[in-house]
Amino acid sequence: MPDDHTLLAPAGNDPDRIDMQSDAAVAEWARRMDIDETRLRAAVAAVGDRATDVARHLAGGGAAPA
């Protein structure tokens, strides 16, 4: 699992959102989280597009309460 500092989005984007409409962003986030794109898409479908929630979900902690 990546260090927290690797969960920052490229400049100009919301730093904690994964842009699922952009193939390049999906590929970059999958690379940063060291997972494949299919697993990233499934995690986003489960917990939403916040990178911290996705990372927590992938680590087995589920999403943060709203």
Protein backbone atom coordinates (compact mmCIF):
# COMPACT_ATOMS: atom_id res chain seq x y z
CA MET A 1 0.00 0.00 0.00
CA PRO A 2 1.35 3.47 -0.82
CA ASP A 3 2.49 6.12 1.62
CA ASP A 4 -0.11 8.85 2.24
CA HIS A 5 1.93 11.41 0.28
CA THR A 6 1.47 9.35 -2.89
CA LEU A 7 -2.29 9.89 -2.76
CA LEU A 8 -2.00 13.45 -4.08
CA ALA A 9 -3.57 14.04 -7.48
CA PRO A 10 -1.72 15.74 -10.33
CA ALA A 11 -1.70 19.54 -10.17
CA GLY A 12 -5.02 21.18 -10.97
CA ASN A 13 -7.17 18.30 -9.74
CA ASP A 14 -8.95 17.80 -6.43
CA PRO A 15 -6.13 16.15 -4.48
CA ASP A 16 -8.31 13.41 -3.02
CA ARG A 17 -10.52 12.50 -5.99
CA ILE A 18 -9.94 9.84 -8.62
CA ASP A 19 -11.23 11.02 -12.01
CA MET A 20 -12.82 7.84 -13.31
CA GLN A 21 -13.68 9.55 -16.61
CA SER A 22 -10.00 9.86 -17.48
CA ASP A 23 -8.19 6.69 -18.58
CA ALA A 24 -4.88 8.39 -17.82
CA ALA A 25 -5.98 9.28 -14.28
CA VAL A 26 -7.26 5.76 -13.66
CA ALA A 27 -3.97 4.31 -14.87
CA GLU A 28 -1.98 6.74 -12.72
CA TRP A 29 -3.99 6.06 -9.56
CA ALA A 30 -3.77 2.30 -10.14
CA ARG A 31 0.00 2.64 -10.50
CA ARG A 32 0.26 4.77 -7.35
CA MET A 33 -1.82 2.27 -5.37
CA ASP A 34 0.07 -0.67 -6.88
CA ILE A 35 -3.10 -2.38 -8.13
CA ASP A 36 -4.62 -3.07 -11.53
CA GLU A 37 -7.25 -0.80 -13.06
CA THR A 38 -10.02 -3.38 -12.65
CA ARG A 39 -9.41 -3.54 -8.91
CA LEU A 40 -9.31 0.27 -8.71
CA ARG A 41 -12.63 0.55 -10.57
CA ALA A 42 -14.22 -2.03 -8.24
CA ALA A 43 -12.95 -0.18 -5.17
CA VAL A 44 -14.29 3.16 -6.46
CA ALA A 45 -17.64 1.50 -7.17
CA ALA A 46 -17.69 0.21 -3.59
CA VAL A 47 -16.64 3.34 -1.68
CA GLY A 48 -16.64 6.33 -4.05
CA ASP A 49 -13.89 8.31 -5.73
CA ARG A 50 -12.03 9.71 -2.71
CA ALA A 51 -8.50 8.33 -2.86
CA THR A 52 -8.21 8.04 0.91
CA ASP A 53 -11.43 6.00 1.08
CA VAL A 54 -10.25 3.77 -1.77
CA ALA A 55 -6.88 3.20 -0.08
CA ARG A 56 -8.60 2.41 3.23
CA HIS A 57 -10.98 0.01 1.47
CA LEU A 58 -8.11 -1.76 -0.28
CA ALA A 59 -6.33 -2.11 3.06
CA GLY A 60 -9.42 -3.80 4.47
CA GLY A 61 -10.73 -0.89 6.51
CA GLY A 62 -13.78 0.08 4.44
CA ALA A 63 -14.77 3.69 3.79
CA ALA A 64 -14.65 6.47 6.35
CA PRO A 65 -17.99 7.40 7.86
CA ALA A 66 -19.65 10.39 6.18
